[in-house]
Amino acid sequence: MGSIRLLSSRGTLFMDFRFQGQRCREYTALTDTPANRKRLQKALESIEAQIAAGTFDYAKTFPGSKFKGRTTAPPEAVVAGAGLPASAPTESPPPLAARTPTFAEYTKQWMAEHQVEWRRSHIKILNSTLKGHLVPRFGETKVGCITKAEVMAFRADLAALPGRAKATMSNKRINGILAPLRQILDDASEAFGFVSPIANLKPLKIRKADVQPFALDEVQRLLATVRPDYRDYFTVRFFTGLRTGECHGLKWKYVDFENRLILIRETFVLGEDEYTKTDSSQRDIQMTQVVYEALKRQHAATSRLSPYVFCNSECMPLDNKNFSDRVWYPILRHLDLPKRRPYQMRHTAATLWLASGEAPEWIARQLGHASTEMLFRVYSRFVPNLTRRDGSAIDRLLATRFSSGQGESPGAQDGAPQQAHSQVGANEAVPEKPVPLRMAPLSTRHKSATAANADSATDAAFSAFRASLPGESPGQLAA
């Protein structure tokens, strides 16, 4: 693929491409502006299309170039005009593109070459997308003859199809179908020397999904109402932040009661145990007291029946759809709580940790995030004290540093100690030391695995409702 580059010594743009196995550079007098880059990019795409079709005439396109002797193409193939080629013909596919394999044939080869790079769950999803949408639409078309207009029409047809939860297919789902098509055409264009028709096609915009965590009193209502055989499952999900696949795929060999750790090493996706979502998802989650007690009860109920912590009546991992339809959504309706996905239990854990004052770095590790960036971007608005948007922090700082309406006292010039006055009530004591400006009372200590339960702020926040929960000993989860 050629490119438009900047000649730094002159501040002008030039084309950099390959023709007949040699690198060619054609310089222009155009300055580096977005409009000029767009103009040259269109010209370069036309040139590469003509090169791929075998119709490019160097001398007629660049008559003043030192490389003009390289062409052997028929003169009628070249279109003049201000030293730049016109758009390549689109009425019929170029000869080289017509000699490429069909989309269905190339897709088989593409899958065979790349599937070693992918997880089994990704291969299943990809095969479903190919068989359900892409091959039926483009299977008999030469892969080099697929046009942008055909792809745009395909995208429009997808948008009219019914969605899983809405009347029409979502933009996210449409992008998920077009993503492998883009990859296939990109790889085919490099292999056969044509320009991908959707190289510059941008994905559809996806509306940002809002998180809807539960309040602590709502969590307590859910735990008090849910079926006894699912109470420990709810407790673990609400207070560990486990993803659905991580919880359903959790095995007893990854539960360390001695050190009070849950080792996340696998996830359960599409009926199979898989590697975790990302490398940072490989983590050790510290148990709070309520989680420790829930897992102890669950161990007594299922450890002899299945290697999985939470299993159905057949001793296999829970099915998320079955759980959602038969347990999750019915209890939300029963308690008149707004409908939301089970994944909100993970969001709830994050907001409860933040509200209880746990260190953001520790929370990010518990959730399996590589950094705290996502933590603050997604969850901080649910904890007003975390960001102190009421201005109280700066008020307290200034009140301890400055006297009311006064500047620096004369005594300070002589090195005498200065009395700090604050704008507090008459009956309030003046702090001896300035209160530091901070975002939240964050714990920065590194907790050991065994001591985490004893001094965790989260344990203190949850201890109030632990005694109020029903104490039935849960049995095996029913599917």
Protein backbone atom coordinates (compact mmCIF):
# COMPACT_ATOMS: atom_id res chain seq x y z
CA MET A 1 0.00 0.00 0.00
CA GLY A 2 1.30 3.43 -0.95
CA SER A 3 1.22 6.48 1.28
CA ILE A 4 1.19 10.28 1.23
CA ARG A 5 4.23 11.65 3.00
CA LEU A 6 5.72 15.00 3.90
CA LEU A 7 9.02 16.28 2.52
CA SER A 8 10.19 18.08 5.64
CA SER A 9 12.88 20.13 3.88
CA ARG A 10 10.27 21.87 1.69
CA GLY A 11 7.07 21.32 3.64
CA THR A 12 5.38 19.74 0.62
CA LEU A 13 3.69 16.40 0.05
CA PHE A 14 4.76 13.49 -2.13
CA MET A 15 3.41 10.08 -3.16
CA ASP A 16 5.28 6.96 -2.10
CA PHE A 17 4.23 3.74 -3.88
CA ARG A 18 5.59 0.67 -5.66
CA PHE A 19 5.40 -0.07 -9.38
CA GLN A 20 6.90 -3.04 -11.24
CA GLY A 21 8.69 -4.14 -8.07
CA GLN A 22 10.39 -0.78 -7.51
CA ARG A 23 9.74 2.00 -5.06
CA CYS A 24 8.58 5.25 -6.66
CA ARG A 25 8.33 8.73 -5.18
CA GLU A 26 6.52 11.50 -7.02
CA TYR A 27 6.86 14.96 -5.52
CA THR A 28 4.29 17.75 -5.66
CA ALA A 29 4.17 21.44 -4.81
CA LEU A 30 1.17 20.95 -2.53
CA THR A 31 1.56 22.04 1.07
CA ASP A 32 0.63 19.79 3.97
CA THR A 33 -3.07 20.49 4.54
CA PRO A 34 -5.97 18.07 5.13
CA ALA A 35 -7.53 19.05 1.80
CA ASN A 36 -4.30 18.40 -0.13
CA ARG A 37 -3.72 15.10 1.62
CA LYS A 38 -7.26 14.02 0.76
CA ARG A 39 -6.75 15.01 -2.88
CA LEU A 40 -3.47 13.12 -3.19
CA GLN A 41 -4.86 10.10 -1.34
CA LYS A 42 -7.68 9.78 -3.89
CA ALA A 43 -5.17 10.10 -6.70
CA LEU A 44 -2.93 7.46 -5.12
CA GLU A 45 -5.82 5.04 -4.69
CA SER A 46 -6.64 5.47 -8.38
CA ILE A 47 -3.02 4.84 -9.32
CA GLU A 48 -2.86 1.66 -7.27
CA ALA A 49 -6.14 0.45 -8.78
CA GLN A 50 -4.69 0.95 -12.27
CA ILE A 51 -1.45 -0.79 -11.25
CA ALA A 52 -3.46 -3.75 -9.97
CA ALA A 53 -5.44 -3.83 -13.23
CA GLY A 54 -2.27 -3.62 -15.34
CA THR A 55 -3.41 -0.41 -17.05
CA PHE A 56 -1.18 2.18 -15.37
CA ASP A 57 0.88 4.37 -17.74
CA TYR A 58 3.62 6.15 -15.85
CA ALA A 59 4.64 8.54 -18.63
CA LYS A 60 1.14 9.89 -19.26
CA THR A 61 0.35 10.25 -15.54
CA PHE A 62 3.68 11.84 -14.57
CA PRO A 63 5.11 13.20 -17.87
CA GLY A 64 7.93 15.04 -16.16
CA SER A 65 9.05 12.14 -13.96
CA LYS A 66 12.42 10.46 -14.25
CA PHE A 67 10.59 7.13 -13.86
CA LYS A 68 8.33 7.61 -16.89
CA GLY A 69 10.29 5.06 -18.92
CA ARG A 70 9.03 2.21 -16.72
CA THR A 71 5.60 1.96 -18.32
CA THR A 72 4.50 -0.49 -20.97
CA ALA A 73 0.76 -0.02 -20.57
CA PRO A 74 -1.48 1.00 -23.51
CA PRO A 75 -1.89 4.79 -23.76
CA GLU A 76 -5.70 4.70 -23.71
CA ALA A 77 -5.61 3.39 -20.15
CA VAL A 78 -4.24 6.68 -18.79
CA VAL A 79 -6.41 9.64 -18.01
CA ALA A 80 -4.71 13.02 -17.91
CA GLY A 81 -5.66 15.99 -15.79
CA ALA A 82 -3.36 18.30 -13.88
CA GLY A 83 -0.76 15.57 -13.58
CA LEU A 84 -3.09 13.37 -11.52
CA PRO A 85 -4.99 10.25 -12.62
CA ALA A 86 -8.76 10.11 -12.66
CA SER A 87 -10.76 7.57 -10.69
CA ALA A 88 -10.45 3.97 -11.78
CA PRO A 89 -13.41 2.62 -13.76
CA THR A 90 -16.03 0.97 -11.61
CA GLU A 91 -18.45 -0.35 -14.21
CA SER A 92 -16.63 -3.67 -14.50
CA PRO A 93 -14.04 -5.32 -12.24
CA PRO A 94 -10.39 -5.05 -13.28
CA PRO A 95 -8.85 -8.17 -14.82
CA LEU A 96 -6.58 -8.92 -11.85
CA ALA A 97 -9.45 -8.74 -9.37
CA ALA A 98 -11.50 -11.03 -11.60
CA ARG A 99 -8.83 -13.70 -11.29
CA THR A 100 -9.08 -13.86 -7.48
CA PRO A 101 -10.88 -16.77 -5.76
CA THR A 102 -14.45 -16.47 -4.63
CA PHE A 103 -15.18 -15.06 -1.20
CA ALA A 104 -16.23 -18.49 0.08
CA GLU A 105 -13.03 -20.14 -1.20
CA TYR A 106 -10.74 -17.47 0.20
CA THR A 107 -12.56 -17.46 3.55
CA LYS A 108 -11.77 -21.16 4.05
CA GLN A 109 -8.10 -20.48 3.41
CA TRP A 110 -8.17 -17.41 5.66
CA MET A 111 -9.71 -19.35 8.52
CA ALA A 112 -7.18 -22.17 8.20
CA GLU A 113 -4.28 -19.69 8.33
CA HIS A 114 -5.48 -17.64 11.31
CA GLN A 115 -7.43 -19.92 13.62
CA VAL A 116 -4.26 -20.88 15.48
CA GLU A 117 -4.20 -17.27 16.77
CA TRP A 118 -7.73 -17.31 18.19
CA ARG A 119 -9.54 -18.73 21.19
CA ARG A 120 -12.07 -21.47 20.63
CA SER A 121 -14.92 -19.19 21.64
CA HIS A 122 -13.83 -16.60 19.07
CA ILE A 123 -13.68 -19.24 16.35
CA LYS A 124 -17.23 -20.32 17.19
CA ILE A 125 -18.51 -16.76 16.98
CA LEU A 126 -16.60 -16.16 13.73
CA ASN A 127 -17.95 -19.31 12.10
CA SER A 128 -21.46 -18.28 13.11
CA THR A 129 -20.99 -14.85 11.54
CA LEU A 130 -19.55 -16.28 8.32
CA LYS A 131 -22.22 -18.94 7.87
CA GLY A 132 -25.09 -16.76 8.99
CA HIS A 133 -24.31 -13.52 7.14
CA LEU A 134 -21.13 -13.10 5.10
CA VAL A 135 -20.91 -16.28 3.00
CA PRO A 136 -24.61 -16.25 2.01
CA ARG A 137 -24.19 -12.66 0.79
CA PHE A 138 -20.72 -12.66 -0.81
CA GLY A 139 -19.84 -16.36 -1.12
CA GLU A 140 -20.04 -16.63 -4.94
CA THR A 141 -18.48 -13.22 -5.61
CA LYS A 142 -14.79 -12.96 -6.50
CA VAL A 143 -13.11 -11.56 -3.42
CA GLY A 144 -11.39 -8.88 -5.53
CA CYS A 145 -14.65 -7.84 -7.16
CA ILE A 146 -16.57 -6.92 -4.01
CA THR A 147 -17.32 -3.21 -4.19
CA LYS A 148 -17.91 -0.62 -1.51
CA ALA A 149 -21.44 -0.10 -2.82
CA GLU A 150 -22.20 -3.79 -2.25
CA VAL A 151 -20.86 -3.61 1.31
CA MET A 152 -22.89 -0.48 2.04
CA ALA A 153 -26.03 -2.18 0.73
CA PHE A 154 -25.25 -5.20 2.91
CA ARG A 155 -24.86 -2.96 5.96
CA ALA A 156 -28.19 -1.28 5.23
CA ASP A 157 -29.88 -4.69 4.99
CA LEU A 158 -28.39 -5.71 8.34
CA ALA A 159 -29.77 -2.56 9.95
CA ALA A 160 -33.27 -3.60 8.89
CA LEU A 161 -33.06 -7.05 10.48
CA PRO A 162 -34.62 -7.64 13.90
CA GLY A 163 -32.25 -7.48 16.84
CA ARG A 164 -31.94 -9.70 19.88
CA ALA A 165 -33.48 -7.23 22.30
CA LYS A 166 -34.63 -4.41 20.01
CA ALA A 167 -36.78 -4.03 16.91
CA THR A 168 -33.70 -3.70 14.69
CA MET A 169 -30.13 -4.91 14.85
CA SER A 170 -27.87 -2.73 17.00
CA ASN A 171 -24.86 -0.83 15.66
CA LYS A 172 -22.62 -2.92 17.88
CA ARG A 173 -23.89 -6.13 16.31
CA ILE A 174 -23.55 -4.71 12.78
CA ASN A 175 -19.95 -3.68 13.49
CA GLY A 176 -19.30 -7.18 14.83
CA ILE A 177 -20.47 -8.68 11.52
CA LEU A 178 -18.52 -6.23 9.35
CA ALA A 179 -15.29 -6.58 11.35
CA PRO A 180 -14.34 -10.03 9.96
CA LEU A 181 -15.38 -8.87 6.46
CA ARG A 182 -12.94 -5.99 6.78
CA GLN A 183 -10.16 -8.31 7.95
CA ILE A 184 -10.78 -10.76 5.11
CA LEU A 185 -10.76 -8.04 2.44
CA ASP A 186 -7.66 -6.41 3.94
CA ASP A 187 -5.72 -9.69 3.88
CA ALA A 188 -6.99 -10.54 0.38
CA SER A 189 -5.98 -7.11 -0.94
CA GLU A 190 -2.42 -7.65 0.28
CA ALA A 191 -2.30 -11.18 -1.13
CA PHE A 192 -3.68 -10.35 -4.59
CA GLY A 193 -2.65 -6.72 -5.03
CA PHE A 194 -5.96 -4.86 -5.13
CA VAL A 195 -7.31 -2.04 -2.98
CA SER A 196 -9.78 -3.06 -0.28
CA PRO A 197 -13.13 -1.40 -1.03
CA ILE A 198 -13.81 -0.70 2.65
CA ALA A 199 -10.36 0.35 3.77
CA ASN A 200 -11.71 3.78 4.75
CA LEU A 201 -15.18 2.69 5.92
CA LYS A 202 -15.61 3.70 9.54
CA PRO A 203 -17.54 1.56 12.04
CA LEU A 204 -20.96 2.75 13.12
CA LYS A 205 -21.07 4.82 16.28
CA ILE A 206 -22.09 2.91 19.38
CA ARG A 207 -24.04 4.64 22.11
CA LYS A 208 -22.20 4.48 25.40
CA ALA A 209 -23.86 1.99 27.73
CA ASP A 210 -24.59 3.28 31.20
CA VAL A 211 -23.88 1.15 34.25
CA GLN A 212 -26.72 0.59 36.71
CA PRO A 213 -25.30 -0.73 39.96
CA PHE A 214 -27.51 -1.69 42.88
CA ALA A 215 -27.57 0.26 46.12
CA LEU A 216 -26.55 -1.65 49.23
CA ASP A 217 -30.12 -1.79 50.53
CA GLU A 218 -31.24 -3.26 47.19
CA VAL A 219 -28.50 -5.89 47.45
CA GLN A 220 -29.76 -6.76 50.92
CA ARG A 221 -33.33 -7.14 49.63
CA LEU A 222 -32.14 -9.43 46.83
CA LEU A 223 -30.12 -11.62 49.18
CA ALA A 224 -33.03 -11.86 51.62
CA THR A 225 -35.51 -12.81 48.88
CA VAL A 226 -33.61 -15.04 46.45
CA ARG A 227 -34.01 -18.82 46.53
CA PRO A 228 -31.76 -20.34 49.22
CA ASP A 229 -29.82 -22.40 46.69
CA TYR A 230 -28.82 -19.21 44.84
CA ARG A 231 -28.13 -16.97 47.86
CA ASP A 232 -24.43 -17.81 48.05
CA TYR A 233 -24.08 -17.39 44.28
CA PHE A 234 -25.57 -13.88 44.55
CA THR A 235 -23.31 -13.06 47.48
CA VAL A 236 -20.15 -14.07 45.63
CA ARG A 237 -21.07 -12.13 42.52
CA PHE A 238 -22.16 -8.97 44.36
CA PHE A 239 -19.05 -8.77 46.57
CA THR A 240 -16.22 -10.06 44.33
CA GLY A 241 -16.87 -8.34 40.99
CA LEU A 242 -16.48 -11.61 39.09
CA ARG A 243 -17.50 -11.61 35.45
CA THR A 244 -20.25 -14.05 34.50
CA GLY A 245 -17.91 -16.51 32.78
CA GLU A 246 -15.38 -16.27 35.61
CA CYS A 247 -18.01 -17.11 38.23
CA HIS A 248 -19.64 -19.91 36.24
CA GLY A 249 -16.23 -21.40 35.41
CA LEU A 250 -14.83 -21.10 38.94
CA LYS A 251 -13.54 -24.44 40.22
CA TRP A 252 -12.86 -25.53 43.77
CA LYS A 253 -9.18 -26.00 43.02
CA TYR A 254 -8.98 -22.21 42.54
CA VAL A 255 -10.56 -21.40 45.94
CA ASP A 256 -7.91 -20.93 48.63
CA PHE A 257 -9.69 -20.87 51.98
CA GLU A 258 -6.45 -20.79 53.96
CA ASN A 259 -5.31 -17.51 52.44
CA ARG A 260 -8.83 -16.34 51.65
CA LEU A 261 -8.18 -15.94 47.94
CA ILE A 262 -10.15 -16.71 44.80
CA LEU A 263 -7.74 -17.47 41.97
CA ILE A 264 -9.09 -16.41 38.58
CA ARG A 265 -7.37 -18.60 36.00
CA GLU A 266 -10.18 -19.65 33.63
CA THR A 267 -13.51 -18.50 32.30
CA PHE A 268 -16.49 -20.45 30.99
CA VAL A 269 -17.56 -19.28 27.51
CA LEU A 270 -19.94 -20.94 25.04
CA GLY A 271 -19.92 -24.21 26.95
CA GLU A 272 -16.13 -24.54 27.30
CA ASP A 273 -13.42 -23.57 29.76
CA GLU A 274 -11.24 -20.86 28.25
CA TYR A 275 -8.35 -18.57 29.10
CA THR A 276 -9.48 -15.36 30.78
CA LYS A 277 -10.62 -12.32 28.80
CA THR A 278 -7.23 -10.57 29.10
CA ASP A 279 -3.90 -11.21 30.78
CA SER A 280 -4.76 -8.71 33.50
CA SER A 281 -7.88 -10.78 34.22
CA GLN A 282 -5.57 -13.43 35.67
CA ARG A 283 -5.71 -12.30 39.28
CA ASP A 284 -6.19 -13.26 42.93
CA ILE A 285 -9.33 -11.84 44.53
CA GLN A 286 -9.35 -11.32 48.29
CA MET A 287 -12.40 -12.67 50.09
CA THR A 288 -14.40 -10.47 52.42
CA GLN A 289 -15.94 -12.19 55.39
CA VAL A 290 -19.37 -12.50 53.74
CA VAL A 291 -17.79 -14.09 50.64
CA TYR A 292 -15.71 -16.45 52.78
CA GLU A 293 -18.81 -17.61 54.65
CA ALA A 294 -20.81 -18.02 51.44
CA LEU A 295 -18.11 -20.13 49.81
CA LYS A 296 -17.80 -22.27 52.92
CA ARG A 297 -21.50 -23.03 52.78
CA GLN A 298 -21.31 -23.69 49.07
CA HIS A 299 -18.32 -26.00 49.59
CA ALA A 300 -20.38 -28.13 51.94
CA ALA A 301 -23.15 -28.33 49.33
CA THR A 302 -21.36 -28.95 46.01
CA SER A 303 -17.66 -29.78 46.53
CA ARG A 304 -18.34 -33.53 46.43
CA LEU A 305 -20.65 -33.29 43.42
CA SER A 306 -18.74 -31.21 40.90
CA PRO A 307 -15.37 -29.57 40.30
CA TYR A 308 -17.30 -26.32 39.70
CA VAL A 309 -18.24 -24.12 42.65
CA PHE A 310 -21.67 -23.28 41.24
CA CYS A 311 -23.25 -26.11 39.29
CA ASN A 312 -26.68 -27.16 38.05
CA SER A 313 -28.53 -30.39 38.77
CA GLU A 314 -26.31 -32.18 36.24
CA CYS A 315 -23.16 -31.00 38.07
CA MET A 316 -22.21 -28.75 35.13
CA PRO A 317 -21.62 -24.97 35.15
CA LEU A 318 -24.65 -22.72 35.19
CA ASP A 319 -26.08 -21.56 31.88
CA ASN A 320 -26.34 -17.78 31.86
CA LYS A 321 -29.52 -17.59 29.79
CA ASN A 322 -31.24 -20.18 31.93
CA PHE A 323 -30.18 -18.34 35.08
CA SER A 324 -31.33 -15.00 33.67
CA ASP A 325 -34.73 -16.24 32.53
CA ARG A 326 -35.60 -18.42 35.53
CA VAL A 327 -33.93 -16.68 38.47
CA TRP A 328 -32.56 -13.21 37.76
CA TYR A 329 -35.33 -11.39 35.92
CA PRO A 330 -38.15 -12.99 37.97
CA ILE A 331 -36.68 -11.77 41.25
CA LEU A 332 -36.21 -8.25 39.85
CA ARG A 333 -39.88 -8.21 38.85
CA HIS A 334 -40.91 -9.61 42.23
CA LEU A 335 -39.04 -6.84 44.07
CA ASP A 336 -40.17 -4.18 41.57
CA LEU A 337 -36.55 -3.30 40.73
CA PRO A 338 -35.62 -1.84 37.34
CA LYS A 339 -34.68 -4.45 34.75
CA ARG A 340 -30.95 -4.80 34.27
CA ARG A 341 -28.48 -7.46 33.20
CA PRO A 342 -26.82 -9.82 35.70
CA TYR A 343 -23.51 -8.19 34.78
CA GLN A 344 -24.59 -5.23 36.93
CA MET A 345 -23.58 -7.33 39.95
CA ARG A 346 -19.97 -6.73 38.89
CA HIS A 347 -20.60 -2.98 38.62
CA THR A 348 -22.22 -3.07 42.05
CA ALA A 349 -19.09 -4.57 43.61
CA ALA A 350 -16.97 -1.79 42.13
CA THR A 351 -19.19 1.01 43.42
CA LEU A 352 -19.50 -0.54 46.88
CA TRP A 353 -15.71 -0.81 47.15
CA LEU A 354 -15.31 2.80 46.12
CA ALA A 355 -17.99 3.98 48.54
CA SER A 356 -16.38 2.09 51.42
CA GLY A 357 -13.04 3.84 50.82
CA GLU A 358 -10.94 1.04 49.36
CA ALA A 359 -7.87 2.10 47.37
CA PRO A 360 -8.59 2.45 43.62
CA GLU A 361 -5.44 0.48 42.75
CA TRP A 362 -6.64 -2.41 44.90
CA ILE A 363 -10.13 -2.27 43.36
CA ALA A 364 -8.68 -2.30 39.84
CA ARG A 365 -6.69 -5.45 40.68
CA GLN A 366 -9.78 -7.09 42.17
CA LEU A 367 -11.73 -6.38 38.98
CA GLY A 368 -8.95 -7.46 36.64
CA HIS A 369 -8.34 -4.02 35.11
CA ALA A 370 -4.87 -3.14 33.88
CA SER A 371 -5.10 0.36 35.41
CA THR A 372 -7.44 2.62 37.40
CA GLU A 373 -8.42 4.62 34.29
CA MET A 374 -11.58 2.66 33.57
CA LEU A 375 -12.45 2.61 37.26
CA PHE A 376 -12.65 6.40 37.51
CA ARG A 377 -14.19 6.87 34.08
CA VAL A 378 -17.06 4.41 34.62
CA TYR A 379 -17.78 4.32 38.35
CA SER A 380 -16.67 7.51 40.10
CA ARG A 381 -19.93 9.39 39.47
CA PHE A 382 -21.74 6.92 41.74
CA VAL A 383 -19.58 7.95 44.70
CA PRO A 384 -19.83 11.75 45.19
CA ASN A 385 -17.32 11.71 48.06
CA LEU A 386 -14.70 10.22 45.76
CA THR A 387 -14.49 13.29 43.52
CA ARG A 388 -15.75 15.87 46.07
CA ARG A 389 -17.78 17.83 43.58
CA ASP A 390 -19.28 19.97 46.36
CA GLY A 391 -16.10 22.00 46.98
CA SER A 392 -15.86 20.98 50.63
CA ALA A 393 -12.29 19.73 50.38
CA ILE A 394 -10.81 23.04 49.21
CA ASP A 395 -12.92 24.91 51.78
CA ARG A 396 -11.41 22.86 54.60
CA LEU A 397 -7.90 23.31 53.26
CA LEU A 398 -8.18 27.07 52.90
CA ALA A 399 -9.92 27.40 56.26
CA THR A 400 -6.95 25.85 58.04
CA ARG A 401 -4.32 27.85 56.11
CA PHE A 402 -5.74 31.36 56.16
CA SER A 403 -7.22 33.51 58.85
CA SER A 404 -10.67 34.88 58.29
CA GLY A 405 -10.22 37.91 56.03
CA GLN A 406 -6.56 38.34 57.06
CA GLY A 407 -3.30 37.85 55.26
CA GLU A 408 -0.03 36.74 56.83
CA SER A 409 0.44 38.01 60.38
CA PRO A 410 3.31 40.38 61.13
CA GLY A 411 4.74 37.89 63.54
CA ALA A 412 5.47 35.55 60.74
CA GLN A 413 8.01 37.98 59.36
CA ASP A 414 10.12 37.48 62.48
CA GLY A 415 9.83 33.73 62.41
CA ALA A 416 7.28 33.66 65.25
CA PRO A 417 4.75 30.85 65.11
CA GLN A 418 1.47 31.89 63.52
CA GLN A 419 -1.95 30.91 64.85
CA ALA A 420 -4.17 29.37 62.16
CA HIS A 421 -7.79 30.50 62.20
CA SER A 422 -10.62 28.88 60.32
CA GLN A 423 -14.08 29.88 59.17
CA VAL A 424 -15.76 27.28 61.34
CA GLY A 425 -18.47 27.64 63.94
CA ALA A 426 -17.68 29.33 67.20
CA ASN A 427 -17.98 26.10 69.15
CA GLU A 428 -15.76 24.05 66.82
CA ALA A 429 -12.17 23.36 67.68
CA VAL A 430 -9.50 24.65 65.35
CA PRO A 431 -7.41 21.80 63.90
CA GLU A 432 -3.83 21.71 65.07
CA LYS A 433 -2.54 20.60 61.67
CA PRO A 434 -3.75 21.47 58.16
CA VAL A 435 -6.13 18.94 56.66
CA PRO A 436 -4.56 17.61 53.44
CA LEU A 437 -6.51 17.90 50.18
CA ARG A 438 -7.44 14.42 49.02
CA MET A 439 -9.99 12.68 46.84
CA ALA A 440 -11.18 10.13 49.35
CA PRO A 441 -10.03 8.37 52.51
CA LEU A 442 -8.12 5.81 50.50
CA SER A 443 -6.27 2.94 52.08
CA THR A 444 -2.79 2.70 50.61
CA ARG A 445 -1.52 -0.15 52.67
CA HIS A 446 -0.86 -3.47 50.98
CA LYS A 447 -3.03 -6.01 52.72
CA SER A 448 -1.75 -9.49 53.20
CA ALA A 449 -4.07 -12.29 52.14
CA THR A 450 -4.67 -13.48 55.69
CA ALA A 451 -5.03 -10.05 57.29
CA ALA A 452 -7.32 -8.58 54.63
CA ASN A 453 -10.44 -9.86 56.35
CA ALA A 454 -9.53 -8.33 59.70
CA ASP A 455 -8.97 -4.72 58.65
CA SER A 456 -10.90 -4.32 55.41
CA ALA A 457 -13.14 -1.29 55.16
CA THR A 458 -15.44 -3.33 52.98
CA ASP A 459 -15.99 -5.88 55.75
CA ALA A 460 -17.01 -3.06 58.06
CA ALA A 461 -19.50 -1.78 55.50
CA PHE A 462 -21.11 -5.19 55.00
CA SER A 463 -21.14 -6.44 58.56
CA ALA A 464 -24.37 -4.58 59.36
CA PHE A 465 -26.61 -6.70 57.19
CA ARG A 466 -24.87 -10.06 57.47
CA ALA A 467 -26.75 -11.01 60.60
CA SER A 468 -30.09 -10.05 59.07
CA LEU A 469 -29.86 -12.54 56.19
CA PRO A 470 -31.67 -15.87 56.43
CA GLY A 471 -29.35 -18.63 57.51
CA GLU A 472 -30.57 -21.61 55.50
CA SER A 473 -27.89 -23.97 54.37
CA PRO A 474 -28.03 -23.91 50.56
CA GLY A 475 -28.25 -27.01 48.50
CA GLN A 476 -27.21 -27.78 44.97
CA LEU A 477 -28.22 -25.10 42.46
CA ALA A 478 -31.09 -26.11 40.26
CA ALA A 479 -30.92 -25.43 36.56
